[in-house]
Protein backbone atom coordinates (compact mmCIF):
# COMPACT_ATOMS: atom_id res chain seq x y z
CA MET A 1 10.48 -18.68 -23.17
CA LYS A 2 13.39 -16.53 -22.55
CA ALA A 3 13.68 -14.67 -19.06
CA MET A 4 13.74 -11.23 -20.91
CA TRP A 5 10.36 -11.96 -22.62
CA LYS A 6 8.78 -13.14 -19.39
CA ASN A 7 10.08 -9.75 -17.77
CA GLY A 8 8.69 -7.82 -20.49
CA LEU A 9 5.07 -9.46 -20.47
CA MET A 10 5.04 -8.86 -16.52
CA LEU A 11 6.23 -5.45 -16.94
CA LEU A 12 3.53 -4.83 -19.33
CA ALA A 13 0.61 -6.46 -17.10
CA VAL A 14 1.68 -4.22 -14.20
CA VAL A 15 1.47 -1.08 -16.45
CA LEU A 16 -1.98 -2.14 -17.71
CA LEU A 17 -3.36 -2.89 -14.32
CA VAL A 18 -2.16 0.53 -13.49
CA VAL A 19 -3.42 2.35 -16.52
CA LEU A 20 -6.74 0.87 -17.50
CA PRO A 21 -8.64 1.41 -14.35
CA LEU A 22 -7.60 5.24 -14.44
CA LEU A 23 -8.70 5.17 -17.88
CA PHE A 24 -12.22 3.38 -17.69
CA VAL A 25 -13.17 3.99 -14.27
CA ASN A 26 -15.21 7.30 -13.95
CA GLY A 27 -15.75 8.16 -10.24
CA GLU A 28 -14.12 9.93 -7.24
CA PHE A 29 -11.46 8.50 -5.20
CA GLY A 30 -12.61 9.57 -1.75
CA GLY A 31 -11.40 8.33 1.74
CA ALA A 32 -13.31 5.87 3.92
CA ASP A 33 -13.39 8.65 6.46
CA ASP A 34 -15.68 10.61 4.35
CA ALA A 35 -17.65 7.92 3.26
CA ALA A 36 -18.30 6.66 7.18
CA GLU A 37 -18.94 10.43 7.79
CA GLY A 38 -21.56 10.50 5.12
CA VAL A 39 -23.48 7.19 6.31
CA ILE A 40 -23.28 8.42 9.98
CA THR A 41 -25.07 11.65 8.94
CA GLU A 42 -27.70 9.76 6.71
CA ILE A 43 -28.58 7.58 9.66
CA ASP A 44 -28.50 10.18 12.65
CA PRO A 45 -28.25 13.73 11.20
CA ALA A 46 -28.05 15.03 14.88
CA TYR A 47 -25.33 13.09 15.76
CA GLU A 48 -22.31 14.96 17.19
CA PRO A 49 -18.60 13.62 17.41
CA TRP A 50 -17.04 12.73 20.95
CA PHE A 51 -14.02 14.73 20.41
CA LYS A 52 -12.35 16.88 17.57
CA PRO A 53 -8.78 16.30 16.19
CA LEU A 54 -6.32 18.23 17.74
CA THR A 55 -5.16 19.71 14.22
CA GLU A 56 -6.26 19.69 10.95
CA LEU A 57 -3.72 18.65 8.37
CA PRO A 58 -3.75 19.42 4.62
CA GLY A 59 -4.35 16.82 2.22
CA GLU A 60 -0.80 16.84 0.75
CA THR A 61 0.74 16.07 4.25
CA GLU A 62 -1.95 13.44 5.30
CA SER A 63 -0.83 11.81 1.72
CA MET A 64 3.09 12.30 2.57
CA LEU A 65 2.33 10.53 6.25
CA PHE A 66 0.45 7.58 4.68
CA ALA A 67 3.25 7.19 1.74
CA LEU A 68 5.93 7.30 4.58
CA GLN A 69 3.98 4.86 6.70
CA ALA A 70 3.80 2.42 3.56
CA ALA A 71 7.41 2.84 2.75
CA LEU A 72 8.34 2.15 6.04
CA GLY A 73 6.22 -0.94 6.20
CA ALA A 74 7.72 -2.15 2.93
CA GLY A 75 11.14 -1.50 4.31
CA VAL A 76 10.50 -3.55 7.54
CA ILE A 77 9.15 -6.46 5.30
CA GLY A 78 11.85 -6.25 2.80
CA TYR A 79 14.61 -6.13 5.68
CA THR A 80 12.83 -9.44 7.31
CA ILE A 81 12.51 -11.29 3.91
CA GLY A 82 16.41 -10.47 3.24
CA LEU A 83 17.43 -11.50 6.94
CA LEU A 84 15.44 -14.87 6.69
CA ARG A 85 16.71 -15.59 3.28
CA GLY A 86 20.40 -14.64 4.33
CA LYS A 87 20.07 -17.08 7.09
CA GLN A 88 18.49 -19.91 5.01
CA ASP A 89 21.54 -19.40 2.49
CA LYS A 90 24.20 -19.29 5.37
CA GLN A 91 22.70 -22.63 6.75
CA LYS A 92 22.67 -24.06 3.40
CA LEU A 93 26.32 -23.14 2.87
CA ASN A 94 27.37 -24.84 6.45
CA ASP A 95 25.41 -27.86 5.71
CA GLN A 96 27.27 -28.53 2.47
CA LYS A 97 30.74 -27.77 4.10
CA ASN A 98 30.02 -30.61 6.70
C-alpha cells in the first residue's frame, strides 16, 4: 500500500473519530467542577466552601487559558522529543565516522 493511501486512511480515521461522537452523542459537555459541586450538594446540602475564588473568569477566558496550557505542554513535549532525536542522530553520525 502506498504511503499516500495510508496517510489518507489515517486522516479519514481521525476525522471520523472527531465528527462521529459530535453527531451521535446527545449530551452536555460539562466540566468536572460542576459535576463535583452537584455531588457535594447532593451529599451535604449545607456544605459551605472553605474559601472563594479571588476572581471569576468568563468561560471564554478559562477556555483560552486551558488551550494555552495544552499548547505549552505540547510544545515542551515536542521540543524534548526533537532534542532527543537530534542527539540520537548525531550519535549515529559520529559512530559511522569512527
